[in-house]
């Protein structure tokens, strides 16, 4: 009985190490990807340049459930699939853009100016029909200081390599009060999943994600700009768990000594 208890404690301990670490330890060497900041609030001091070239504060732009994405407008890789995927779910959703929610796109390249955002906006206005993209999908640029403030506050980590950037694709959902409530990772989004995230945000409810599980089972591939299965970690965990199960079964089948 004591042995079984020890085995159970070992399993629980292993799980707690893998998934219950503080973010500081879990992401100590984490350069590219997403660090969840659920329930954190967007700071007041993040200043952006809007489509008219005016300086505004990000927090002031958020008055309804908001989907925030970080891209850079000249990106040759994952940024376009991310915005295409978001445009697709906006088109399919029965929610009203600009009324029920809004989309905010922020360039994290400090060399890009607001006019590039205006050009990008026109591209997506032509793709989305019957939605108020003029007021509902806004494009911003910013300087390096405010980009750092915004990306750190939302847990978006990226790295410059040559003239390009390696980064993950994610949609950060925030409440009307600016509280981070959910992360939608990837470039394809189900309408039901998107609507649920927006409805939760409208109530200020932070929804669960599998980000930490993905961080354990997957590694970010900067070359392919995607998450790939980490075979070593997954295999090691399976072997450990299977070994513990076999050990436990053998102990249970072990014949008891007859008392003399």
Protein backbone atom coordinates (compact mmCIF):
# COMPACT_ATOMS: atom_id res chain seq x y z
CA UNK A 1 0.00 0.00 0.00
CA UNK A 2 2.85 2.35 0.86
CA UNK A 3 4.58 1.50 -2.41
CA UNK A 4 1.50 2.33 -4.45
CA UNK A 5 1.24 5.64 -2.67
CA UNK A 6 4.87 6.42 -3.48
CA UNK A 7 4.34 5.59 -7.16
CA UNK A 8 1.29 7.84 -7.34
CA UNK A 9 3.21 10.65 -5.72
CA UNK A 10 6.02 10.22 -8.25
CA UNK A 11 3.54 10.56 -11.14
CA UNK A 12 1.93 13.63 -9.61
CA UNK A 13 5.34 15.14 -8.94
CA UNK A 14 6.40 14.55 -12.55
CA UNK A 15 3.24 16.20 -13.85
CA UNK A 16 3.65 19.15 -11.53
CA UNK A 17 7.21 19.69 -12.74
CA UNK A 18 6.18 19.58 -16.39
CA UNK A 19 3.06 21.71 -16.29
CA UNK A 20 2.98 23.52 -12.97
CA UNK A 21 6.21 25.51 -13.13
CA UNK A 22 6.28 29.26 -12.80
CA UNK A 23 6.54 31.02 -16.15
CA UNK A 24 9.93 32.40 -15.14
CA UNK A 25 11.38 28.88 -14.92
CA UNK A 26 9.40 27.33 -17.77
CA UNK A 27 10.38 30.02 -20.26
CA UNK A 28 13.88 30.91 -18.99
CA UNK A 29 15.41 30.12 -22.41
CA UNK A 30 12.29 30.74 -24.46
CA UNK A 31 13.06 33.13 -27.33
CA UNK A 32 10.29 32.68 -29.89
CA UNK A 33 6.64 31.87 -29.26
CA UNK A 34 3.88 32.76 -26.81
CA UNK A 35 3.94 33.11 -23.04
CA UNK A 36 0.43 33.17 -21.64
CA UNK A 37 -0.53 36.31 -19.73
CA UNK A 38 -4.11 35.31 -18.98
CA UNK A 39 -5.92 37.74 -16.67
CA UNK A 40 -3.21 40.38 -17.10
CA UNK A 41 -4.40 43.80 -18.23
CA UNK A 42 -3.02 45.81 -21.15
CA UNK A 43 -0.90 48.63 -19.66
CA UNK A 44 -1.95 52.27 -20.01
CA UNK A 45 1.37 53.46 -21.43
CA UNK A 46 1.50 51.65 -24.80
CA UNK A 47 1.39 54.26 -27.57
CA UNK A 48 0.73 53.42 -31.23
CA UNK A 49 0.43 55.26 -34.53
CA UNK A 50 -2.99 54.83 -36.14
CA UNK A 51 -4.00 54.80 -39.82
CA UNK A 52 -4.06 58.63 -39.90
CA UNK A 53 -0.57 58.97 -38.51
CA UNK A 54 -1.88 60.04 -35.10
CA UNK A 55 -0.41 58.88 -31.80
CA UNK A 56 -2.94 57.01 -29.66
CA UNK A 57 -2.85 54.74 -26.63
CA UNK A 58 -3.63 51.06 -27.19
CA UNK A 59 -5.72 50.86 -24.03
CA UNK A 60 -7.96 53.69 -25.31
CA UNK A 61 -8.66 51.73 -28.50
CA UNK A 62 -10.14 48.81 -26.58
CA UNK A 63 -13.80 49.37 -25.71
CA UNK A 64 -15.20 45.99 -26.78
CA UNK A 65 -13.90 42.40 -27.07
CA UNK A 66 -10.76 42.71 -29.17
CA UNK A 67 -8.62 40.30 -31.15
CA UNK A 68 -5.00 41.52 -31.23
CA UNK A 69 -2.44 40.14 -33.66
CA UNK A 70 1.25 41.02 -34.00
CA UNK A 71 2.70 40.90 -37.52
CA UNK A 72 5.08 42.87 -39.65
CA UNK A 73 3.66 44.15 -42.90
CA UNK A 74 6.57 43.09 -45.13
CA UNK A 75 6.62 39.58 -43.67
CA UNK A 76 7.27 36.91 -46.34
CA UNK A 77 6.19 34.05 -44.10
CA UNK A 78 3.55 33.32 -41.50
CA UNK A 79 1.98 36.79 -41.17
CA UNK A 80 -0.12 36.53 -44.32
CA UNK A 81 -1.51 33.05 -43.43
CA UNK A 82 -2.36 34.40 -39.97
CA UNK A 83 -4.25 37.40 -41.34
CA UNK A 84 -5.86 35.24 -44.04
CA UNK A 85 -7.05 32.81 -41.38
CA UNK A 86 -8.42 35.63 -39.27
CA UNK A 87 -10.13 37.22 -42.28
CA UNK A 88 -11.70 33.86 -43.07
CA UNK A 89 -13.17 33.40 -39.60
CA UNK A 90 -14.34 37.03 -39.54
CA UNK A 91 -16.16 36.38 -42.81
CA UNK A 92 -17.74 33.15 -41.53
CA UNK A 93 -18.66 34.39 -38.06
CA UNK A 94 -22.22 35.48 -37.34
CA UNK A 95 -20.87 38.14 -34.97
CA UNK A 96 -20.88 41.74 -36.17
CA UNK A 97 -17.42 43.18 -36.68
CA UNK A 98 -17.05 46.64 -35.09
CA UNK A 99 -20.20 46.08 -33.00
CA UNK A 100 -19.66 42.78 -31.17
CA UNK A 101 -15.87 42.86 -31.40
CA UNK A 102 -12.94 44.39 -33.25
CA UNK A 103 -9.55 43.36 -34.62
CA UNK A 104 -6.32 45.25 -33.95
CA UNK A 105 -3.19 44.53 -35.97
CA UNK A 106 0.13 45.86 -34.67
CA UNK A 107 3.41 45.80 -36.59
CA UNK A 108 6.31 44.78 -34.35
CA UNK A 109 8.88 46.07 -36.87
CA UNK A 110 9.79 49.61 -35.73
CA UNK A 111 10.97 50.56 -39.24
CA UNK A 112 7.47 50.12 -40.68
CA UNK A 113 5.20 53.14 -40.90
CA UNK A 114 1.45 53.53 -40.70
CA UNK A 115 1.03 53.85 -44.49
CA UNK A 116 2.06 50.20 -44.87
CA UNK A 117 -0.73 49.28 -42.48
CA UNK A 118 -3.21 51.29 -44.57
CA UNK A 119 -2.17 49.36 -47.71
CA UNK A 120 -2.49 46.04 -45.89
CA UNK A 121 -5.94 47.03 -44.61
CA UNK A 122 -7.16 47.71 -48.17
CA UNK A 123 -6.09 44.20 -49.17
CA UNK A 124 -8.21 42.60 -46.47
CA UNK A 125 -11.16 44.91 -47.03
CA UNK A 126 -11.38 43.45 -50.53
CA UNK A 127 -11.37 39.90 -49.11
CA UNK A 128 -14.07 40.40 -46.48
CA UNK A 129 -17.58 41.10 -47.73
CA UNK A 130 -20.51 42.37 -45.68
CA UNK A 131 -18.42 43.29 -42.63
CA UNK A 132 -17.51 46.74 -41.33
CA UNK A 133 -13.76 46.40 -41.73
CA UNK A 134 -13.29 50.16 -41.92
CA UNK A 135 -14.12 50.61 -38.25
CA UNK A 136 -13.77 47.01 -37.09
CA UNK A 137 -10.24 46.07 -38.23
CA UNK A 138 -7.58 48.63 -37.34
CA UNK A 139 -3.90 48.65 -38.30
CA UNK A 140 -1.14 50.25 -36.24
CA UNK A 141 2.60 50.79 -36.18
CA UNK A 142 4.86 51.83 -33.28
CA UNK A 143 8.40 52.65 -32.23
CA UNK A 144 10.73 50.09 -30.63
CA UNK A 145 9.96 51.15 -27.03
CA UNK A 146 6.21 50.78 -27.38
CA UNK A 147 6.54 47.57 -29.38
CA UNK A 148 8.58 46.15 -26.51
CA UNK A 149 5.94 47.23 -24.01
CA UNK A 150 3.12 45.69 -26.05
CA UNK A 151 4.82 42.38 -26.82
CA UNK A 152 6.07 41.91 -23.26
CA UNK A 153 2.64 42.67 -21.80
CA UNK A 154 0.97 40.10 -24.05
CA UNK A 155 3.70 37.44 -23.94
CA UNK A 156 4.57 37.62 -27.65
CA UNK A 157 8.23 36.71 -28.16
CA UNK A 158 10.04 37.04 -31.46
CA UNK A 159 13.59 37.22 -32.76
CA UNK A 160 15.21 39.14 -35.58
CA UNK A 161 17.30 37.03 -37.94
CA UNK A 162 19.00 39.07 -40.64
CA UNK A 163 16.37 41.33 -42.18
CA UNK A 164 13.46 39.13 -41.14
CA UNK A 165 11.85 37.94 -37.92
CA UNK A 166 11.01 34.52 -36.57
CA UNK A 167 7.79 34.50 -34.61
CA UNK A 168 4.69 32.48 -33.82
CA UNK A 169 1.17 33.02 -35.11
CA UNK A 170 -1.45 33.77 -32.49
CA UNK A 171 -4.59 35.82 -31.86
CA UNK A 172 -4.73 37.42 -28.42
CA UNK A 173 -8.27 37.99 -27.18
CA UNK A 174 -8.87 40.75 -24.64
CA UNK A 175 -11.97 41.97 -22.81
CA UNK A 176 -13.47 45.49 -23.16
CA UNK A 177 -11.49 46.38 -20.03
CA UNK A 178 -8.26 45.24 -21.68
CA UNK A 179 -7.87 41.97 -19.78
CA UNK A 180 -6.24 39.11 -21.69
CA UNK A 181 -8.76 36.25 -21.76
CA UNK A 182 -7.59 33.76 -24.38
CA UNK A 183 -4.91 32.84 -26.92
CA UNK A 184 -5.84 31.25 -30.25
CA UNK A 185 -2.68 29.75 -31.70
CA UNK A 186 -2.09 28.93 -35.35
CA UNK A 187 -3.41 30.26 -38.65
CA UNK A 188 -6.76 28.47 -38.90
CA UNK A 189 -9.64 29.20 -36.55
CA UNK A 190 -13.00 27.49 -36.18
CA UNK A 191 -15.96 29.92 -36.16
CA UNK A 192 -17.35 28.27 -33.00
CA UNK A 193 -13.99 28.53 -31.22
CA UNK A 194 -13.60 32.17 -32.25
CA UNK A 195 -17.13 33.09 -31.21
CA UNK A 196 -16.70 31.39 -27.85
CA UNK A 197 -13.49 33.34 -27.23
CA UNK A 198 -15.21 36.64 -28.07
CA UNK A 199 -18.25 35.83 -25.88
CA UNK A 200 -15.99 34.92 -22.96
CA UNK A 201 -14.06 38.15 -23.43
CA UNK A 202 -17.28 40.16 -23.35
CA UNK A 203 -17.83 38.77 -19.84
CA UNK A 204 -14.20 39.17 -18.82
CA UNK A 205 -13.78 35.41 -18.44
CA UNK A 206 -10.35 33.93 -19.13
CA UNK A 207 -10.72 30.72 -21.12
CA UNK A 208 -8.38 27.73 -20.80
CA UNK A 209 -5.81 27.06 -23.48
CA UNK A 210 -3.43 24.18 -24.08
CA UNK A 211 -0.46 26.48 -24.48
CA UNK A 212 1.60 24.98 -21.66
CA UNK A 213 0.89 21.48 -22.89
CA UNK A 214 1.95 22.55 -26.38
CA UNK A 215 5.12 24.07 -24.97
CA UNK A 216 5.97 20.74 -23.36
CA UNK A 217 5.05 18.48 -26.28
CA UNK A 218 6.02 20.81 -29.10
CA UNK A 219 9.01 22.96 -29.99
CA UNK A 220 8.94 26.04 -32.19
CA UNK A 221 10.77 25.62 -35.50
CA UNK A 222 12.11 29.06 -36.56
CA UNK A 223 12.90 27.83 -40.08
CA UNK A 224 9.47 26.39 -40.80
CA UNK A 225 7.83 28.99 -38.52
CA UNK A 226 5.57 26.38 -36.96
CA UNK A 227 5.26 24.14 -33.91
CA UNK A 228 6.68 20.64 -34.40
CA UNK A 229 6.29 17.60 -32.20
CA UNK A 230 9.19 17.21 -29.78
CA UNK A 231 9.76 13.46 -30.12
CA UNK A 232 12.40 13.31 -27.40
CA UNK A 233 10.19 14.84 -24.73
CA UNK A 234 7.05 12.95 -25.69
CA UNK A 235 8.85 9.60 -26.02
CA UNK A 236 10.67 10.11 -22.75
CA UNK A 237 7.44 10.88 -20.93
CA UNK A 238 5.66 7.86 -22.45
CA UNK A 239 8.54 5.56 -21.48
CA UNK A 240 8.54 6.92 -17.94
CA UNK A 241 4.78 6.55 -17.53
CA UNK A 242 4.72 3.06 -19.09
CA UNK A 243 7.62 2.00 -16.88
CA UNK A 244 5.79 3.14 -13.77
CA UNK A 245 2.61 1.34 -14.88
CA UNK A 246 4.49 -1.92 -15.55
CA UNK A 247 6.28 -1.64 -12.21
CA UNK A 248 3.00 -1.05 -10.43
CA UNK A 249 1.34 -4.03 -12.14
CA UNK A 250 4.24 -6.33 -11.27
CA UNK A 251 4.06 -5.26 -7.65
CA UNK A 252 0.33 -5.91 -7.55
CA UNK A 253 0.79 -9.41 -9.01
CA UNK A 254 3.61 -10.28 -6.66
CA UNK A 255 2.43 -13.21 -4.44
CA UNK A 256 2.08 -12.45 -0.80
CA UNK A 257 4.22 -14.37 1.64
CA UNK A 258 2.24 -16.92 3.63
CA UNK A 259 2.37 -16.33 7.33
CA UNK A 260 3.77 -19.26 9.26
